[in-house]
Amino acid sequence: MVPADTADIKKEYNILLNELKQYSPELLDKERLLAITKCDMLDEELTTALRKEVRKTLPKVETVFISSVTGMGLDDLKDRIWDKLQA
């Protein structure tokens, strides 16, 4: 998970990957799903811009936009996690 208000999503994502590698390098071979959190703070224009930025900087990373405050995207997140567990 990376918060939507971070200055550099790619940098934060790489930090997460490094933490996974330090914990267990085998985890890097697993499928990934990046959750962008705190999306309730974004209006439609900012959400669209952030989606474009993520697609550009992390084109191969499956991403879901969520908000725990409003519940936005949580069902989608749960469904995607379930699908990955069933694969």
Foldseek 3Di string as FASTA:
>chain_A
DAELPDPDPLVVVVVVLVVCCVVPVVVVVAAAEAEHEPCVVDDPVSVVVSVVVCCVNPVPHHYFYAYPVVGPRVVVVVVVVVVSVVD
